[in-house]
Amino acid sequence: MAKPNYAFEKRQRDLAKQKKKEEKRLKKAGSKDAKVQGDAGGQAQPAETGDAAADAGGAAGGDGGA
């Protein structure tokens, strides 16, 4: 009969703990993000599209002037 590999079992338990802890952390972070996006969701999107448009326009204007 083979000897039990306690180190392997411990490693598996540790990995399971880490995975559970990470999922819990992501769940908490996700709920915070959802609240933040829900409060300022309408304001955040136009700002992002405006920044992207300004970057594209600024790059084109800078190349034409040089």
Protein backbone atom coordinates (compact mmCIF):
# COMPACT_ATOMS: atom_id res chain seq x y z
CA MET A 1 0.00 0.00 0.00
CA ALA A 2 1.30 3.46 -0.94
CA LYS A 3 2.10 6.12 1.63
CA PRO A 4 -0.23 9.13 1.77
CA ASN A 5 1.26 12.25 0.20
CA TYR A 6 0.44 14.79 2.88
CA ALA A 7 2.32 17.59 1.14
CA PHE A 8 0.14 17.20 -1.97
CA GLU A 9 -3.03 17.18 0.11
CA LYS A 10 -1.93 20.30 1.98
CA ARG A 11 -1.10 22.06 -1.28
CA GLN A 12 -4.54 21.21 -2.66
CA ARG A 13 -6.21 22.58 0.47
CA ASP A 14 -4.13 25.77 0.24
CA LEU A 15 -5.03 26.23 -3.43
CA ALA A 16 -8.71 25.75 -2.65
CA LYS A 17 -8.48 28.37 0.14
CA GLN A 18 -6.72 30.84 -2.17
CA LYS A 19 -9.28 30.30 -4.92
CA LYS A 20 -12.17 30.81 -2.52
CA LYS A 21 -10.54 33.92 -1.07
CA GLU A 22 -9.92 35.38 -4.55
CA GLU A 23 -13.52 34.70 -5.63
CA LYS A 24 -14.76 36.41 -2.49
CA ARG A 25 -12.47 39.40 -3.14
CA LEU A 26 -13.67 39.68 -6.74
CA LYS A 27 -17.27 39.43 -5.64
CA LYS A 28 -16.75 42.27 -3.16
CA ALA A 29 -14.89 44.36 -5.74
CA GLY A 30 -17.61 43.67 -8.30
CA SER A 31 -20.34 44.82 -5.97
CA LYS A 32 -18.43 48.04 -5.26
CA ASP A 33 -17.87 48.64 -8.99
CA ALA A 34 -21.54 48.02 -9.72
CA LYS A 35 -22.55 50.60 -7.12
CA VAL A 36 -20.06 53.16 -8.46
CA GLN A 37 -21.12 52.57 -12.08
CA GLY A 38 -24.76 52.70 -11.07
CA ASP A 39 -24.30 56.07 -9.39
CA ALA A 40 -22.16 57.70 -12.09
CA GLY A 41 -22.74 55.34 -15.01
CA GLY A 42 -24.42 57.96 -17.21
CA GLN A 43 -21.65 60.47 -16.57
CA ALA A 44 -18.72 58.10 -17.05
CA GLN A 45 -19.55 56.93 -20.60
CA PRO A 46 -19.72 60.36 -22.30
CA ALA A 47 -16.45 61.33 -20.62
CA GLU A 48 -14.73 58.22 -21.99
CA THR A 49 -15.99 58.76 -25.53
CA GLY A 50 -15.09 62.44 -25.29
CA ASP A 51 -11.55 61.61 -24.20
CA ALA A 52 -11.12 59.13 -27.02
CA ALA A 53 -12.41 61.65 -29.56
CA ALA A 54 -10.15 64.38 -28.17
CA ASP A 55 -7.12 62.09 -28.38
CA ALA A 56 -7.86 61.17 -31.98
CA GLY A 57 -8.50 64.77 -32.99
CA GLY A 58 -5.46 66.06 -31.13
CA ALA A 59 -3.15 63.54 -32.80
CA ALA A 60 -4.47 64.38 -36.29
CA GLY A 61 -4.20 68.12 -35.64
CA GLY A 62 -0.64 67.78 -34.39
CA ASP A 63 0.47 65.83 -37.44
CA GLY A 64 -1.06 68.32 -39.88
CA GLY A 65 0.61 71.31 -38.22
CA ALA A 66 4.10 69.81 -38.33
